[in-house]
């Protein structure tokens, strides 16, 4: 099972730490390197596991949407067109 898909945060953390233990003892350089990277960022990964998978994907999606609108509005003579398009998209 994918560790990030385990619904119980304690179980997910246990699985992650178990994988890290295995990976750090393995002699497979890519796994050892991945384990070091995960260990380095563990302070950010564990809250993600405990938070119920809160992410910034909605904000990123909105930013992406606005970038597309901005490209479509390129060449208009004022920013008003971009603002109007972004406002109508946000209402969707």
PDB file of N, CA and C in Angstrom:
ATOM      1  N   UNK A   1       0.844  -1.199   0.000  1.00  0.00           N
ATOM      2  CA  UNK A   1       0.000   0.000   0.000  1.00  0.00           C
ATOM      3  C   UNK A   1       0.875   1.244   0.000  1.00  0.00           C
ATOM      4  N   UNK A   2       0.367   2.287  -0.582  1.00  0.00           N
ATOM      5  CA  UNK A   2       1.060   3.569  -0.621  1.00  0.00           C
ATOM      6  C   UNK A   2       0.969   4.208   0.761  1.00  0.00           C
ATOM      7  N   UNK A   3       2.082   4.554   1.345  1.00  0.00           N
ATOM      8  CA  UNK A   3       2.119   5.097   2.706  1.00  0.00           C
ATOM      9  C   UNK A   3       1.258   6.345   2.824  1.00  0.00           C
ATOM     10  N   UNK A   4       1.275   7.199   1.810  1.00  0.00           N
ATOM     11  CA  UNK A   4       0.509   8.447   1.888  1.00  0.00           C
ATOM     12  C   UNK A   4      -0.990   8.216   1.777  1.00  0.00           C
ATOM     13  N   UNK A   5      -1.411   7.005   1.383  1.00  0.00           N
ATOM     14  CA  UNK A   5      -2.841   6.694   1.283  1.00  0.00           C
ATOM     15  C   UNK A   5      -3.388   5.998   2.524  1.00  0.00           C
ATOM     16  N   UNK A   6      -2.545   5.721   3.499  1.00  0.00           N
ATOM     17  CA  UNK A   6      -3.004   5.063   4.723  1.00  0.00           C
ATOM     18  C   UNK A   6      -3.797   6.091   5.529  1.00  0.00           C
ATOM     19  N   UNK A   7      -5.081   5.812   5.827  1.00  0.00           N
ATOM     20  CA  UNK A   7      -5.931   6.817   6.470  1.00  0.00           C
ATOM     21  C   UNK A   7      -5.568   7.128   7.923  1.00  0.00           C
ATOM     22  N   UNK A   8      -5.056   6.162   8.652  1.00  0.00           N
ATOM     23  CA  UNK A   8      -4.708   6.387  10.060  1.00  0.00           C
ATOM     24  C   UNK A   8      -3.327   7.039  10.143  1.00  0.00           C
ATOM     25  N   UNK A   9      -3.230   8.253  10.695  1.00  0.00           N
ATOM     26  CA  UNK A   9      -1.940   8.958  10.735  1.00  0.00           C
ATOM     27  C   UNK A   9      -0.856   8.204  11.495  1.00  0.00           C
ATOM     28  N   UNK A  10      -1.213   7.551  12.609  1.00  0.00           N
ATOM     29  CA  UNK A  10      -0.205   6.805  13.372  1.00  0.00           C
ATOM     30  C   UNK A  10       0.302   5.608  12.582  1.00  0.00           C
ATOM     31  N   UNK A  11      -0.617   4.938  11.900  1.00  0.00           N
ATOM     32  CA  UNK A  11      -0.243   3.791  11.078  1.00  0.00           C
ATOM     33  C   UNK A  11       0.630   4.238   9.899  1.00  0.00           C
ATOM     34  N   UNK A  12       0.287   5.384   9.299  1.00  0.00           N
ATOM     35  CA  UNK A  12       1.075   5.912   8.178  1.00  0.00           C
ATOM     36  C   UNK A  12       2.482   6.279   8.638  1.00  0.00           C
ATOM     37  N   UNK A  13       2.575   6.914   9.809  1.00  0.00           N
ATOM     38  CA  UNK A  13       3.896   7.279  10.330  1.00  0.00           C
ATOM     39  C   UNK A  13       4.709   6.023  10.633  1.00  0.00           C
ATOM     40  N   UNK A  14       4.061   5.021  11.219  1.00  0.00           N
ATOM     41  CA  UNK A  14       4.745   3.758  11.527  1.00  0.00           C
ATOM     42  C   UNK A  14       5.253   3.102  10.237  1.00  0.00           C
ATOM     43  N   UNK A  15       4.420   3.102   9.210  1.00  0.00           N
ATOM     44  CA  UNK A  15       4.818   2.516   7.930  1.00  0.00           C
ATOM     45  C   UNK A  15       5.977   3.294   7.307  1.00  0.00           C
ATOM     46  N   UNK A  16       5.916   4.615   7.385  1.00  0.00           N
ATOM     47  CA  UNK A  16       6.991   5.441   6.833  1.00  0.00           C
ATOM     48  C   UNK A  16       8.300   5.188   7.564  1.00  0.00           C
ATOM     49  N   UNK A  17       8.229   5.173   8.891  1.00  0.00           N
ATOM     50  CA  UNK A  17       9.455   4.920   9.667  1.00  0.00           C
ATOM     51  C   UNK A  17       9.995   3.510   9.412  1.00  0.00           C
ATOM     52  N   UNK A  18       9.103   2.554   9.216  1.00  0.00           N
ATOM     53  CA  UNK A  18       9.540   1.193   8.890  1.00  0.00           C
ATOM     54  C   UNK A  18      10.247   1.151   7.546  1.00  0.00           C
ATOM     55  N   UNK A  19       9.675   1.847   6.551  1.00  0.00           N
ATOM     56  CA  UNK A  19      10.315   1.889   5.243  1.00  0.00           C
ATOM     57  C   UNK A  19      11.666   2.584   5.336  1.00  0.00           C
ATOM     58  N   UNK A  20      11.716   3.684   6.107  1.00  0.00           N
ATOM     59  CA  UNK A  20      12.975   4.415   6.255  1.00  0.00           C
ATOM     60  C   UNK A  20      14.034   3.535   6.908  1.00  0.00           C
ATOM     61  N   UNK A  21      13.631   2.747   7.885  1.00  0.00           N
ATOM     62  CA  UNK A  21      14.563   1.841   8.551  1.00  0.00           C
ATOM     63  C   UNK A  21      15.122   0.838   7.551  1.00  0.00           C
ATOM     64  N   UNK A  22      14.230   0.251   6.742  1.00  0.00           N
ATOM     65  CA  UNK A  22      14.667  -0.704   5.735  1.00  0.00           C
ATOM     66  C   UNK A  22      15.579  -0.030   4.711  1.00  0.00           C
ATOM     67  N   UNK A  23      15.153   1.147   4.233  1.00  0.00           N
ATOM     68  CA  UNK A  23      15.898   1.837   3.169  1.00  0.00           C
ATOM     69  C   UNK A  23      17.287   2.254   3.642  1.00  0.00           C
ATOM     70  N   UNK A  24      17.386   2.713   4.882  1.00  0.00           N
ATOM     71  CA  UNK A  24      18.695   3.167   5.365  1.00  0.00           C
ATOM     72  C   UNK A  24      19.677   1.998   5.530  1.00  0.00           C
ATOM     73  N   UNK A  25      19.159   0.796   5.796  1.00  0.00           N
ATOM     74  CA  UNK A  25      20.023  -0.384   5.934  1.00  0.00           C
ATOM     75  C   UNK A  25      20.316  -1.066   4.603  1.00  0.00           C
ATOM     76  N   UNK A  26      19.507  -0.755   3.605  1.00  0.00           N
ATOM     77  CA  UNK A  26      19.724  -1.403   2.304  1.00  0.00           C
ATOM     78  C   UNK A  26      21.032  -0.885   1.701  1.00  0.00           C
ATOM     79  N   UNK A  27      21.540  -1.636   0.820  1.00  0.00           N
ATOM     80  CA  UNK A  27      22.778  -1.197   0.163  1.00  0.00           C
ATOM     81  C   UNK A  27      22.479  -0.611  -1.205  1.00  0.00           C
ATOM     82  N   UNK A  28      21.227  -0.259  -1.395  1.00  0.00           N
ATOM     83  CA  UNK A  28      20.809   0.333  -2.669  1.00  0.00           C
ATOM     84  C   UNK A  28      20.929   1.855  -2.544  1.00  0.00           C
ATOM     85  N   UNK A  29      21.898   2.405  -3.219  1.00  0.00           N
ATOM     86  CA  UNK A  29      22.200   3.827  -3.088  1.00  0.00           C
ATOM     87  C   UNK A  29      20.993   4.747  -3.304  1.00  0.00           C
ATOM     88  N   UNK A  30      20.143   4.501  -4.309  1.00  0.00           N
ATOM     89  CA  UNK A  30      18.994   5.395  -4.496  1.00  0.00           C
ATOM     90  C   UNK A  30      18.027   5.389  -3.300  1.00  0.00           C
ATOM     91  N   UNK A  31      17.848   4.216  -2.670  1.00  0.00           N
ATOM     92  CA  UNK A  31      16.958   4.137  -1.514  1.00  0.00           C
ATOM     93  C   UNK A  31      17.573   4.826  -0.299  1.00  0.00           C
ATOM     94  N   UNK A  32      18.876   4.651  -0.113  1.00  0.00           N
ATOM     95  CA  UNK A  32      19.562   5.319   0.994  1.00  0.00           C
ATOM     96  C   UNK A  32      19.460   6.834   0.815  1.00  0.00           C
ATOM     97  N   UNK A  33      19.657   7.292  -0.407  1.00  0.00           N
ATOM     98  CA  UNK A  33      19.569   8.728  -0.690  1.00  0.00           C
ATOM     99  C   UNK A  33      18.141   9.236  -0.465  1.00  0.00           C
ATOM    100  N   UNK A  34      17.145   8.478  -0.932  1.00  0.00           N
ATOM    101  CA  UNK A  34      15.743   8.872  -0.726  1.00  0.00           C
ATOM    102  C   UNK A  34      15.425   8.932   0.760  1.00  0.00           C
ATOM    103  N   UNK A  35      15.920   7.972   1.531  1.00  0.00           N
ATOM    104  CA  UNK A  35      15.693   7.952   2.969  1.00  0.00           C
ATOM    105  C   UNK A  35      16.303   9.182   3.628  1.00  0.00           C
ATOM    106  N   UNK A  36      17.504   9.542   3.231  1.00  0.00           N
ATOM    107  CA  UNK A  36      18.130  10.749   3.788  1.00  0.00           C
ATOM    108  C   UNK A  36      17.306  11.997   3.484  1.00  0.00           C
ATOM    109  N   UNK A  37      16.791  12.068   2.265  1.00  0.00           N
ATOM    110  CA  UNK A  37      15.966  13.214   1.876  1.00  0.00           C
ATOM    111  C   UNK A  37      14.689  13.255   2.701  1.00  0.00           C
ATOM    112  N   UNK A  38      14.046  12.113   2.859  1.00  0.00           N
ATOM    113  CA  UNK A  38      12.815  12.060   3.661  1.00  0.00           C
ATOM    114  C   UNK A  38      13.120  12.434   5.110  1.00  0.00           C
ATOM    115  N   UNK A  39      14.198  11.894   5.652  1.00  0.00           N
ATOM    116  CA  UNK A  39      14.573  12.201   7.035  1.00  0.00           C
ATOM    117  C   UNK A  39      14.829  13.715   7.188  1.00  0.00           C
ATOM    118  N   UNK A  40      15.449  14.313   6.192  1.00  0.00           N
ATOM    119  CA  UNK A  40      15.747  15.749   6.216  1.00  0.00           C
ATOM    120  C   UNK A  40      14.458  16.581   6.249  1.00  0.00           C
ATOM    121  N   UNK A  41      13.407  16.083   5.587  1.00  0.00           N
ATOM    122  CA  UNK A  41      12.148  16.820   5.491  1.00  0.00           C
ATOM    123  C   UNK A  41      11.043  16.228   6.365  1.00  0.00           C
ATOM    124  N   UNK A  42      11.415  15.372   7.301  1.00  0.00           N
ATOM    125  CA  UNK A  42      10.434  14.667   8.120  1.00  0.00           C
ATOM    126  C   UNK A  42       9.553  15.629   8.924  1.00  0.00           C
ATOM    127  N   UNK A  43      10.115  16.761   9.343  1.00  0.00           N
ATOM    128  CA  UNK A  43       9.324  17.745  10.101  1.00  0.00           C
ATOM    129  C   UNK A  43       8.179  18.323   9.278  1.00  0.00           C
ATOM    130  N   UNK A  44       8.262  18.284   7.978  1.00  0.00           N
ATOM    131  CA  UNK A  44       7.173  18.736   7.123  1.00  0.00           C
ATOM    132  C   UNK A  44       6.267  17.600   6.670  1.00  0.00           C
ATOM    133  N   UNK A  45       6.813  16.392   6.595  1.00  0.00           N
ATOM    134  CA  UNK A  45       6.044  15.242   6.127  1.00  0.00           C
ATOM    135  C   UNK A  45       5.080  14.746   7.202  1.00  0.00           C
ATOM    136  N   UNK A  46       5.544  14.656   8.448  1.00  0.00           N
ATOM    137  CA  UNK A  46       4.686  14.129   9.513  1.00  0.00           C
ATOM    138  C   UNK A  46       3.440  14.976   9.750  1.00  0.00           C
ATOM    139  N   UNK A  47       3.537  16.304   9.780  1.00  0.00           N
ATOM    140  CA  UNK A  47       2.299  17.094   9.922  1.00  0.00           C
ATOM    141  C   UNK A  47       1.326  16.853   8.765  1.00  0.00           C
ATOM    142  N   UNK A  48       1.851  16.617   7.575  1.00  0.00           N
ATOM    143  CA  UNK A  48       0.995  16.307   6.427  1.00  0.00           C
ATOM    144  C   UNK A  48       0.236  15.011   6.682  1.00  0.00           C
ATOM    145  N   UNK A  49       0.920  14.004   7.212  1.00  0.00           N
ATOM    146  CA  UNK A  49       0.266  12.732   7.506  1.00  0.00           C
ATOM    147  C   UNK A  49      -0.803  12.893   8.582  1.00  0.00           C
ATOM    148  N   UNK A  50      -0.545  13.775   9.555  1.00  0.00           N
ATOM    149  CA  UNK A  50      -1.469  13.962  10.684  1.00  0.00           C
ATOM    150  C   UNK A  50      -2.614  14.908  10.367  1.00  0.00           C
ATOM    151  N   UNK A  51      -2.456  15.747   9.368  1.00  0.00           N
ATOM    152  CA  UNK A  51      -3.437  16.809   9.112  1.00  0.00           C
ATOM    153  C   UNK A  51      -4.636  16.354   8.299  1.00  0.00           C
ATOM    154  N   UNK A  52      -4.661  15.125   7.898  1.00  0.00           N
ATOM    155  CA  UNK A  52      -5.754  14.699   7.040  1.00  0.00           C
ATOM    156  C   UNK A  52      -5.495  15.093   5.605  1.00  0.00           C
ATOM    157  N   UNK A  53      -4.241  15.234   5.265  1.00  0.00           N
ATOM    158  CA  UNK A  53      -3.809  15.509   3.892  1.00  0.00           C
ATOM    159  C   UNK A  53      -4.242  16.882   3.384  1.00  0.00           C
ATOM    160  N   UNK A  54      -4.078  17.878   4.227  1.00  0.00           N
ATOM    161  CA  UNK A  54      -4.334  19.240   3.763  1.00  0.00           C
ATOM    162  C   UNK A  54      -3.218  19.628   2.805  1.00  0.00           C
ATOM    163  N   UNK A  55      -3.588  20.151   1.661  1.00  0.00           N
ATOM    164  CA  UNK A  55      -2.591  20.573   0.687  1.00  0.00           C
ATOM    165  C   UNK A  55      -2.972  21.944   0.158  1.00  0.00           C
ATOM    166  N   UNK A  56      -2.099  22.503  -0.630  1.00  0.00           N
ATOM    167  CA  UNK A  56      -2.377  23.796  -1.240  1.00  0.00           C
ATOM    168  C   UNK A  56      -2.817  23.626  -2.693  1.00  0.00           C
ATOM    169  N   UNK A  57      -3.341  22.442  -3.028  1.00  0.00           N
ATOM    170  CA  UNK A  57      -3.692  22.177  -4.422  1.00  0.00           C
ATOM    171  C   UNK A  57      -4.792  23.099  -4.931  1.00  0.00           C
ATOM    172  N   UNK A  58      -5.720  23.492  -4.074  1.00  0.00           N
ATOM    173  CA  UNK A  58      -6.787  24.387  -4.523  1.00  0.00           C
ATOM    174  C   UNK A  58      -6.212  25.764  -4.882  1.00  0.00           C
ATOM    175  N   UNK A  59      -5.297  26.261  -4.066  1.00  0.00           N
ATOM    176  CA  UNK A  59      -4.660  27.552  -4.357  1.00  0.00           C
ATOM    177  C   UNK A  59      -3.838  27.458  -5.633  1.00  0.00           C
ATOM    178  N   UNK A  60      -3.088  26.360  -5.776  1.00  0.00           N
ATOM    179  CA  UNK A  60      -2.282  26.175  -6.987  1.00  0.00           C
ATOM    180  C   UNK A  60      -3.174  26.094  -8.225  1.00  0.00           C
ATOM    181  N   UNK A  61      -4.305  25.418  -8.106  1.00  0.00           N
ATOM    182  CA  UNK A  61      -5.236  25.323  -9.223  1.00  0.00           C
ATOM    183  C   UNK A  61      -5.785  26.681  -9.618  1.00  0.00           C
ATOM    184  N   UNK A  62      -6.125  27.489  -8.610  1.00  0.00           N
ATOM    185  CA  UNK A  62      -6.627  28.843  -8.883  1.00  0.00           C
ATOM    186  C   UNK A  62      -5.547  29.685  -9.549  1.00  0.00           C
ATOM    187  N   UNK A  63      -4.318  29.599  -9.041  1.00  0.00           N
ATOM    188  CA  UNK A  63      -3.216  30.352  -9.649  1.00  0.00           C
ATOM    189  C   UNK A  63      -3.004  29.932 -11.100  1.00  0.00           C
ATOM    190  N   UNK A  64      -3.084  28.648 -11.354  1.00  0.00           N
ATOM    191  CA  UNK A  64      -2.938  28.147 -12.718  1.00  0.00           C
ATOM    192  C   UNK A  64      -4.043  28.703 -13.612  1.00  0.00           C
ATOM    193  N   UNK A  65      -5.259  28.686 -13.087  1.00  0.00           N
ATOM    194  CA  UNK A  65      -6.405  29.199 -13.841  1.00  0.00           C
ATOM    195  C   UNK A  65      -6.204  30.683 -14.178  1.00  0.00           C
ATOM    196  N   UNK A  66      -5.742  31.448 -13.222  1.00  0.00           N
ATOM    197  CA  UNK A  66      -5.512  32.884 -13.448  1.00  0.00           C
ATOM    198  C   UNK A  66      -4.392  33.096 -14.468  1.00  0.00           C
ATOM    199  N   UNK A  67      -3.361  32.252 -14.444  1.00  0.00           N
ATOM    200  CA  UNK A  67      -2.287  32.369 -15.450  1.00  0.00           C
ATOM    201  C   UNK A  67      -2.820  32.140 -16.855  1.00  0.00           C
ATOM    202  N   UNK A  68      -3.714  31.164 -17.002  1.00  0.00           N
ATOM    203  CA  UNK A  68      -4.317  30.895 -18.316  1.00  0.00           C
ATOM    204  C   UNK A  68      -5.134  32.100 -18.759  1.00  0.00           C
ATOM    205  N   UNK A  69      -5.907  32.669 -17.841  1.00  0.00           N
ATOM    206  CA  UNK A  69      -6.718  33.850 -18.154  1.00  0.00           C
ATOM    207  C   UNK A  69      -5.812  35.017 -18.535  1.00  0.00           C
ATOM    208  N   UNK A  70      -4.712  35.174 -17.809  1.00  0.00           N
ATOM    209  CA  UNK A  70      -3.782  36.267 -18.097  1.00  0.00           C
ATOM    210  C   UNK A  70      -3.197  36.120 -19.503  1.00  0.00           C
ATOM    211  N   UNK A  71      -2.894  34.882 -19.904  1.00  0.00           N
ATOM    212  CA  UNK A  71      -2.386  34.669 -21.270  1.00  0.00           C
ATOM    213  C   UNK A  71      -3.451  35.034 -22.300  1.00  0.00           C
ATOM    214  N   UNK A  72      -4.709  34.677 -22.006  1.00  0.00           N
ATOM    215  CA  UNK A  72      -5.788  35.015 -22.938  1.00  0.00           C
ATOM    216  C   UNK A  72      -6.011  36.518 -23.004  1.00  0.00           C
ATOM    217  N   UNK A  73      -5.783  37.213 -21.878  1.00  0.00           N
ATOM    218  CA  UNK A  73      -6.013  38.658 -21.827  1.00  0.00           C
ATOM    219  C   UNK A  73      -4.824  39.454 -22.365  1.00  0.00           C
ATOM    220  N   UNK A  74      -3.717  38.772 -22.653  1.00  0.00           N
ATOM    221  CA  UNK A  74      -2.532  39.465 -23.157  1.00  0.00           C
ATOM    222  C   UNK A  74      -2.885  40.226 -24.433  1.00  0.00           C
ATOM    223  N   UNK A  75      -2.448  41.444 -24.483  1.00  0.00           N
ATOM    224  CA  UNK A  75      -2.713  42.260 -25.665  1.00  0.00           C
ATOM    225  C   UNK A  75      -3.894  43.199 -25.491  1.00  0.00           C
ATOM    226  N   UNK A  76      -4.705  42.996 -24.467  1.00  0.00           N
ATOM    227  CA  UNK A  76      -5.788  43.952 -24.195  1.00  0.00           C
ATOM    228  C   UNK A  76      -5.148  45.251 -23.731  1.00  0.00           C
ATOM    229  N   UNK A  77      -5.852  46.340 -23.914  1.00  0.00           N
ATOM    230  CA  UNK A  77      -5.278  47.656 -23.624  1.00  0.00           C
ATOM    231  C   UNK A  77      -5.307  48.031 -22.158  1.00  0.00           C
ATOM    232  N   UNK A  78      -6.041  47.299 -21.349  1.00  0.00           N
ATOM    233  CA  UNK A  78      -6.074  47.633 -19.927  1.00  0.00           C
ATOM    234  C   UNK A  78      -6.147  46.352 -19.106  1.00  0.00           C
ATOM    235  N   UNK A  79      -5.879  46.491 -17.833  1.00  0.00           N
ATOM    236  CA  UNK A  79      -5.957  45.351 -16.928  1.00  0.00           C
ATOM    237  C   UNK A  79      -7.396  45.012 -16.589  1.00  0.00           C
ATOM    238  N   UNK A  80      -8.323  45.882 -16.948  1.00  0.00           N
ATOM    239  CA  UNK A  80      -9.732  45.670 -16.619  1.00  0.00           C
ATOM    240  C   UNK A  80     -10.253  44.353 -17.209  1.00  0.00           C
ATOM    241  N   UNK A  81      -9.821  44.021 -18.420  1.00  0.00           N
ATOM    242  CA  UNK A  81     -10.270  42.776 -19.056  1.00  0.00           C
ATOM    243  C   UNK A  81      -9.806  41.565 -18.243  1.00  0.00           C
ATOM    244  N   UNK A  82      -8.549  41.576 -17.808  1.00  0.00           N
ATOM    245  CA  UNK A  82      -8.021  40.480 -16.997  1.00  0.00           C
ATOM    246  C   UNK A  82      -8.778  40.376 -15.681  1.00  0.00           C
ATOM    247  N   UNK A  83      -9.008  41.499 -15.041  1.00  0.00           N
ATOM    248  CA  UNK A  83      -9.718  41.505 -13.759  1.00  0.00           C
ATOM    249  C   UNK A  83     -11.137  40.974 -13.937  1.00  0.00           C
ATOM    250  N   UNK A  84     -11.806  41.372 -15.009  1.00  0.00           N
ATOM    251  CA  UNK A  84     -13.162  40.895 -15.276  1.00  0.00           C
ATOM    252  C   UNK A  84     -13.177  39.388 -15.515  1.00  0.00           C
ATOM    253  N   UNK A  85     -12.212  38.906 -16.318  1.00  0.00           N
ATOM    254  CA  UNK A  85     -12.161  37.486 -16.605  1.00  0.00           C
ATOM    255  C   UNK A  85     -11.851  36.678 -15.347  1.00  0.00           C
ATOM    256  N   UNK A  86     -10.922  37.163 -14.517  1.00  0.00           N
ATOM    257  CA  UNK A  86     -10.569  36.463 -13.290  1.00  0.00           C
ATOM    258  C   UNK A  86     -11.734  36.465 -12.311  1.00  0.00           C
ATOM    259  N   UNK A  87     -12.440  37.564 -12.226  1.00  0.00           N
ATOM    260  CA  UNK A  87     -13.596  37.655 -11.323  1.00  0.00           C
ATOM    261  C   UNK A  87     -14.690  36.690 -11.741  1.00  0.00           C
ATOM    262  N   UNK A  88     -14.969  36.602 -13.032  1.00  0.00           N
ATOM    263  CA  UNK A  88     -16.011  35.694 -13.484  1.00  0.00           C
ATOM    264  C   UNK A  88     -15.592  34.247 -13.307  1.00  0.00           C
ATOM    265  N   UNK A  89     -14.297  33.971 -13.464  1.00  0.00           N
ATOM    266  CA  UNK A  89     -13.794  32.592 -13.262  1.00  0.00           C
ATOM    267  C   UNK A  89     -13.872  32.211 -11.797  1.00  0.00           C
ATOM    268  N   UNK A  90     -13.608  33.159 -10.901  1.00  0.00           N
ATOM    269  CA  UNK A  90     -13.654  32.864  -9.461  1.00  0.00           C
ATOM    270  C   UNK A  90     -15.085  32.573  -9.023  1.00  0.00           C
ATOM    271  N   UNK A  91     -16.051  33.143  -9.711  1.00  0.00           N
ATOM    272  CA  UNK A  91     -17.462  32.935  -9.345  1.00  0.00           C
ATOM    273  C   UNK A  91     -17.931  31.545  -9.752  1.00  0.00           C
ATOM    274  N   UNK A  92     -17.201  30.878 -10.657  1.00  0.00           N
ATOM    275  CA  UNK A  92     -17.605  29.538 -11.131  1.00  0.00           C
ATOM    276  C   UNK A  92     -17.489  28.505 -10.083  1.00  0.00           C
TER     277      UNK A  92
END
